[in-house]
């Protein structure tokens, strides 16, 4: 996987900041961008509603772990049984770059 932190563009496509992520991973970031510091179960419910389908528990947490490894999501213990997830500053910048890229396409 290429670095999700790169600022360059690939063939005029989406900036590589988020381009190497799966759509599901980008949807997780998008869900976190609306309300930060969320439990995995809340994210799972939001995505299940969006996809109109049940979200597999392992799919959710494997993808959250990947985003943690990419420094896009921070994981903290809320209590002894529950973790909460929030966007990192890196993810906030990457989402803003994506919004700017999309706005350029809308203006064309």
N, C-alpha and C. Protein backbone atom coordinates (compact mmCIF):
# COMPACT_ATOMS: atom_id res chain seq x y z
N UNK A 1 0.85 -1.18 0.00
CA UNK A 1 0.00 0.00 0.00
C UNK A 1 0.89 1.23 0.00
N UNK A 2 0.58 2.17 -0.89
CA UNK A 2 1.30 3.44 -0.88
C UNK A 2 0.94 4.20 0.37
N UNK A 3 1.79 5.11 0.72
CA UNK A 3 1.52 5.93 1.89
C UNK A 3 0.23 6.72 1.71
N UNK A 4 -0.60 6.74 2.73
CA UNK A 4 -1.82 7.53 2.66
C UNK A 4 -1.53 8.99 2.95
N UNK A 5 -0.28 9.31 3.20
CA UNK A 5 0.08 10.67 3.55
C UNK A 5 0.63 11.47 2.38
N UNK A 6 0.81 10.82 1.24
CA UNK A 6 1.38 11.51 0.08
C UNK A 6 0.46 12.62 -0.40
N UNK A 7 1.06 13.74 -0.87
CA UNK A 7 0.27 14.87 -1.34
C UNK A 7 0.12 14.90 -2.85
N UNK A 8 0.89 14.09 -3.56
CA UNK A 8 0.85 14.14 -5.02
C UNK A 8 -0.44 13.53 -5.55
N UNK A 9 -0.73 13.81 -6.82
CA UNK A 9 -1.91 13.25 -7.46
C UNK A 9 -1.48 12.20 -8.46
N UNK A 10 -2.37 11.29 -8.76
CA UNK A 10 -2.09 10.20 -9.67
C UNK A 10 -2.95 10.37 -10.90
N UNK A 11 -2.34 10.69 -12.05
CA UNK A 11 -3.05 10.80 -13.32
C UNK A 11 -4.30 11.67 -13.23
N UNK A 12 -4.25 12.74 -12.45
CA UNK A 12 -5.39 13.63 -12.34
C UNK A 12 -6.52 13.07 -11.49
N UNK A 13 -6.32 11.91 -10.90
CA UNK A 13 -7.34 11.30 -10.07
C UNK A 13 -7.27 11.86 -8.66
N UNK A 14 -8.03 11.24 -7.78
CA UNK A 14 -8.08 11.63 -6.37
C UNK A 14 -6.67 11.71 -5.78
N UNK A 15 -6.39 12.71 -4.96
CA UNK A 15 -5.09 12.74 -4.28
C UNK A 15 -4.87 11.44 -3.53
N UNK A 16 -3.64 10.97 -3.49
CA UNK A 16 -3.36 9.67 -2.91
C UNK A 16 -3.52 9.64 -1.40
N UNK A 17 -3.84 10.76 -0.77
CA UNK A 17 -4.04 10.77 0.67
C UNK A 17 -5.07 9.73 1.08
N UNK A 18 -6.12 9.55 0.32
CA UNK A 18 -7.14 8.55 0.64
C UNK A 18 -7.34 7.54 -0.48
N UNK A 19 -6.67 7.73 -1.59
CA UNK A 19 -6.91 6.90 -2.77
C UNK A 19 -6.59 5.43 -2.56
N UNK A 20 -5.65 5.12 -1.69
CA UNK A 20 -5.27 3.73 -1.50
C UNK A 20 -6.13 3.01 -0.47
N UNK A 21 -7.07 3.72 0.13
CA UNK A 21 -7.99 3.09 1.07
C UNK A 21 -9.16 2.47 0.32
N UNK A 22 -9.81 1.52 0.97
CA UNK A 22 -11.02 0.96 0.38
C UNK A 22 -12.17 1.95 0.59
N UNK A 23 -13.22 1.78 -0.17
CA UNK A 23 -14.41 2.63 0.01
C UNK A 23 -14.96 2.48 1.42
N UNK A 24 -14.94 1.28 1.96
CA UNK A 24 -15.42 1.04 3.32
C UNK A 24 -14.58 1.82 4.33
N UNK A 25 -13.27 1.83 4.15
CA UNK A 25 -12.40 2.59 5.05
C UNK A 25 -12.67 4.08 4.95
N UNK A 26 -12.88 4.58 3.72
CA UNK A 26 -13.22 6.00 3.56
C UNK A 26 -14.57 6.30 4.22
N UNK A 27 -15.51 5.37 4.13
CA UNK A 27 -16.80 5.57 4.77
C UNK A 27 -16.66 5.62 6.29
N UNK A 28 -15.76 4.82 6.85
CA UNK A 28 -15.49 4.89 8.28
C UNK A 28 -14.95 6.27 8.67
N UNK A 29 -14.02 6.77 7.89
CA UNK A 29 -13.48 8.11 8.16
C UNK A 29 -14.57 9.16 8.06
N UNK A 30 -15.40 9.04 7.04
CA UNK A 30 -16.49 10.00 6.85
C UNK A 30 -17.44 9.97 8.06
N UNK A 31 -17.78 8.78 8.53
CA UNK A 31 -18.67 8.66 9.69
C UNK A 31 -18.04 9.29 10.92
N UNK A 32 -16.74 9.12 11.09
CA UNK A 32 -16.05 9.73 12.23
C UNK A 32 -15.94 11.24 12.09
N UNK A 33 -15.97 11.74 10.88
CA UNK A 33 -15.81 13.18 10.68
C UNK A 33 -17.04 13.95 11.15
N UNK A 34 -18.18 13.28 11.27
CA UNK A 34 -19.41 13.94 11.70
C UNK A 34 -19.54 14.00 13.22
N UNK A 35 -19.06 12.98 13.87
CA UNK A 35 -19.14 12.92 15.32
C UNK A 35 -17.92 12.14 15.80
N UNK A 36 -17.01 12.83 16.42
CA UNK A 36 -15.75 12.22 16.82
C UNK A 36 -15.89 11.44 18.12
N UNK A 37 -14.92 10.60 18.40
CA UNK A 37 -14.87 9.78 19.61
C UNK A 37 -16.11 8.89 19.71
N UNK A 38 -16.19 7.95 18.80
CA UNK A 38 -17.34 7.06 18.74
C UNK A 38 -16.96 5.63 19.04
N UNK A 39 -17.89 4.91 19.59
CA UNK A 39 -17.70 3.48 19.83
C UNK A 39 -17.86 2.74 18.51
N UNK A 40 -17.20 1.58 18.42
CA UNK A 40 -17.31 0.76 17.23
C UNK A 40 -18.74 0.35 16.93
N UNK A 41 -19.53 0.08 17.98
CA UNK A 41 -20.92 -0.33 17.75
C UNK A 41 -21.74 0.80 17.12
N UNK A 42 -21.46 2.05 17.47
CA UNK A 42 -22.16 3.18 16.85
C UNK A 42 -21.77 3.32 15.39
N UNK A 43 -20.49 3.15 15.10
CA UNK A 43 -20.03 3.19 13.70
C UNK A 43 -20.67 2.06 12.90
N UNK A 44 -20.72 0.88 13.50
CA UNK A 44 -21.32 -0.28 12.84
C UNK A 44 -22.78 0.00 12.50
N UNK A 45 -23.52 0.59 13.42
CA UNK A 45 -24.93 0.90 13.17
C UNK A 45 -25.09 1.93 12.05
N UNK A 46 -24.26 2.97 12.06
CA UNK A 46 -24.32 3.99 11.01
C UNK A 46 -24.04 3.38 9.64
N UNK A 47 -23.01 2.57 9.56
CA UNK A 47 -22.65 1.98 8.27
C UNK A 47 -23.68 0.96 7.82
N UNK A 48 -24.26 0.22 8.75
CA UNK A 48 -25.31 -0.74 8.39
C UNK A 48 -26.51 0.00 7.80
N UNK A 49 -26.84 1.15 8.36
CA UNK A 49 -27.95 1.95 7.82
C UNK A 49 -27.59 2.49 6.43
N UNK A 50 -26.36 2.94 6.27
CA UNK A 50 -25.92 3.48 4.98
C UNK A 50 -25.92 2.40 3.89
N UNK A 51 -25.36 1.23 4.23
CA UNK A 51 -25.26 0.15 3.26
C UNK A 51 -26.55 -0.67 3.14
N UNK A 52 -27.50 -0.42 4.02
CA UNK A 52 -28.75 -1.19 4.06
C UNK A 52 -28.46 -2.68 4.18
N UNK A 53 -27.47 -2.99 4.99
CA UNK A 53 -27.06 -4.38 5.18
C UNK A 53 -26.30 -4.48 6.50
N UNK A 54 -26.33 -5.65 7.09
CA UNK A 54 -25.60 -5.88 8.33
C UNK A 54 -24.10 -5.80 8.07
N UNK A 55 -23.37 -5.17 8.97
CA UNK A 55 -21.91 -5.07 8.86
C UNK A 55 -21.29 -6.14 9.74
N UNK A 56 -20.45 -6.96 9.15
CA UNK A 56 -19.76 -8.01 9.88
C UNK A 56 -18.83 -7.40 10.92
N UNK A 57 -18.90 -7.92 12.14
CA UNK A 57 -18.10 -7.44 13.26
C UNK A 57 -16.60 -7.43 12.92
N UNK A 58 -16.11 -8.53 12.39
CA UNK A 58 -14.67 -8.60 12.11
C UNK A 58 -14.27 -7.65 10.98
N UNK A 59 -15.15 -7.45 10.00
CA UNK A 59 -14.85 -6.50 8.92
C UNK A 59 -14.67 -5.10 9.49
N UNK A 60 -15.57 -4.70 10.37
CA UNK A 60 -15.50 -3.38 10.98
C UNK A 60 -14.19 -3.19 11.73
N UNK A 61 -13.89 -4.10 12.64
CA UNK A 61 -12.73 -3.90 13.50
C UNK A 61 -11.41 -4.12 12.79
N UNK A 62 -11.35 -4.98 11.78
CA UNK A 62 -10.13 -5.13 10.98
C UNK A 62 -9.84 -3.84 10.23
N UNK A 63 -10.88 -3.22 9.69
CA UNK A 63 -10.69 -1.98 8.95
C UNK A 63 -10.35 -0.82 9.89
N UNK A 64 -10.96 -0.77 11.06
CA UNK A 64 -10.58 0.25 12.04
C UNK A 64 -9.11 0.07 12.45
N UNK A 65 -8.69 -1.17 12.66
CA UNK A 65 -7.28 -1.42 13.02
C UNK A 65 -6.34 -0.96 11.91
N UNK A 66 -6.73 -1.19 10.65
CA UNK A 66 -5.91 -0.73 9.53
C UNK A 66 -5.79 0.79 9.55
N UNK A 67 -6.89 1.48 9.81
CA UNK A 67 -6.86 2.94 9.86
C UNK A 67 -6.04 3.45 11.04
N UNK A 68 -6.04 2.71 12.13
CA UNK A 68 -5.17 3.05 13.27
C UNK A 68 -3.71 2.91 12.86
N UNK A 69 -3.38 1.81 12.18
CA UNK A 69 -2.00 1.58 11.71
C UNK A 69 -1.55 2.65 10.73
N UNK A 70 -2.46 3.20 9.95
CA UNK A 70 -2.15 4.25 8.97
C UNK A 70 -2.13 5.64 9.61
N UNK A 71 -2.32 5.72 10.91
CA UNK A 71 -2.36 6.99 11.64
C UNK A 71 -3.49 7.89 11.16
N UNK A 72 -4.60 7.29 10.79
CA UNK A 72 -5.77 8.06 10.40
C UNK A 72 -6.84 8.05 11.49
N UNK A 73 -6.79 7.05 12.34
CA UNK A 73 -7.74 6.91 13.44
C UNK A 73 -6.97 6.63 14.73
N UNK A 74 -7.41 7.28 15.80
CA UNK A 74 -6.85 7.02 17.13
C UNK A 74 -7.83 6.14 17.88
N UNK A 75 -7.29 5.17 18.59
CA UNK A 75 -8.10 4.23 19.37
C UNK A 75 -7.76 4.41 20.84
N UNK A 76 -8.78 4.63 21.65
CA UNK A 76 -8.57 4.81 23.08
C UNK A 76 -9.59 3.99 23.84
N UNK A 77 -9.20 3.54 25.01
CA UNK A 77 -10.13 2.81 25.88
C UNK A 77 -11.09 3.80 26.52
N UNK A 78 -12.38 3.56 26.33
CA UNK A 78 -13.41 4.37 26.98
C UNK A 78 -13.62 3.86 28.40
N UNK A 79 -13.65 2.55 28.54
CA UNK A 79 -13.69 1.88 29.83
C UNK A 79 -13.02 0.53 29.65
N UNK A 80 -13.16 -0.35 30.59
CA UNK A 80 -12.44 -1.63 30.49
C UNK A 80 -12.95 -2.53 29.36
N UNK A 81 -14.13 -2.27 28.87
CA UNK A 81 -14.71 -3.13 27.84
C UNK A 81 -14.90 -2.46 26.50
N UNK A 82 -14.79 -1.16 26.46
CA UNK A 82 -15.16 -0.43 25.25
C UNK A 82 -14.05 0.50 24.79
N UNK A 83 -13.78 0.45 23.49
CA UNK A 83 -12.85 1.40 22.88
C UNK A 83 -13.65 2.46 22.15
N UNK A 84 -13.03 3.62 21.99
CA UNK A 84 -13.63 4.65 21.15
C UNK A 84 -12.61 5.06 20.11
N UNK A 85 -13.12 5.53 19.00
CA UNK A 85 -12.30 5.86 17.84
C UNK A 85 -12.52 7.31 17.47
N UNK A 86 -11.44 7.96 17.06
CA UNK A 86 -11.53 9.36 16.63
C UNK A 86 -10.53 9.59 15.51
N UNK A 87 -10.80 10.62 14.72
CA UNK A 87 -9.91 10.97 13.62
C UNK A 87 -8.64 11.60 14.16
N UNK A 88 -7.54 11.32 13.50
CA UNK A 88 -6.29 12.01 13.81
C UNK A 88 -6.24 13.29 12.98
N UNK A 89 -5.30 14.13 13.30
CA UNK A 89 -5.12 15.36 12.50
C UNK A 89 -4.75 15.00 11.07
N UNK A 90 -4.00 13.93 10.89
CA UNK A 90 -3.64 13.46 9.55
C UNK A 90 -4.90 13.14 8.74
N UNK A 91 -5.85 12.47 9.37
CA UNK A 91 -7.10 12.12 8.69
C UNK A 91 -7.92 13.37 8.37
N UNK A 92 -7.94 14.31 9.29
CA UNK A 92 -8.68 15.55 9.04
C UNK A 92 -8.12 16.29 7.83
N UNK A 93 -6.79 16.36 7.73
CA UNK A 93 -6.16 17.01 6.58
C UNK A 93 -6.46 16.24 5.29
N UNK A 94 -6.40 14.91 5.37
CA UNK A 94 -6.66 14.09 4.19
C UNK A 94 -8.11 14.24 3.72
N UNK A 95 -9.06 14.29 4.64
CA UNK A 95 -10.46 14.49 4.26
C UNK A 95 -10.68 15.87 3.66
N UNK A 96 -10.00 16.87 4.20
CA UNK A 96 -10.11 18.22 3.65
C UNK A 96 -9.53 18.27 2.24
N UNK A 97 -8.41 17.59 2.02
CA UNK A 97 -7.82 17.53 0.68
C UNK A 97 -8.77 16.83 -0.29
N UNK A 98 -9.44 15.80 0.18
CA UNK A 98 -10.41 15.09 -0.68
C UNK A 98 -11.58 16.00 -1.02
N UNK A 99 -12.08 16.74 -0.03
CA UNK A 99 -13.19 17.67 -0.29
C UNK A 99 -12.78 18.72 -1.32
N UNK A 100 -11.56 19.23 -1.20
CA UNK A 100 -11.07 20.23 -2.16
C UNK A 100 -10.96 19.61 -3.55
N UNK A 101 -10.46 18.40 -3.63
CA UNK A 101 -10.34 17.69 -4.91
C UNK A 101 -11.72 17.49 -5.53
N UNK A 102 -12.70 17.10 -4.72
CA UNK A 102 -14.05 16.90 -5.22
C UNK A 102 -14.65 18.22 -5.69
N UNK A 103 -14.40 19.28 -4.95
CA UNK A 103 -14.93 20.60 -5.33
C UNK A 103 -14.36 21.05 -6.67
N UNK A 104 -13.08 20.75 -6.93
CA UNK A 104 -12.49 21.07 -8.22
C UNK A 104 -13.22 20.36 -9.35
N UNK A 105 -13.57 19.10 -9.12
CA UNK A 105 -14.29 18.33 -10.13
C UNK A 105 -15.69 18.86 -10.35
N UNK A 106 -16.32 19.34 -9.29
CA UNK A 106 -17.67 19.90 -9.39
C UNK A 106 -17.65 21.22 -10.16
N UNK A 107 -16.54 21.96 -10.03
CA UNK A 107 -16.44 23.26 -10.68
C UNK A 107 -16.13 23.13 -12.17
N UNK A 108 -15.59 22.00 -12.58
CA UNK A 108 -15.19 21.82 -13.98
C UNK A 108 -16.35 21.61 -14.91
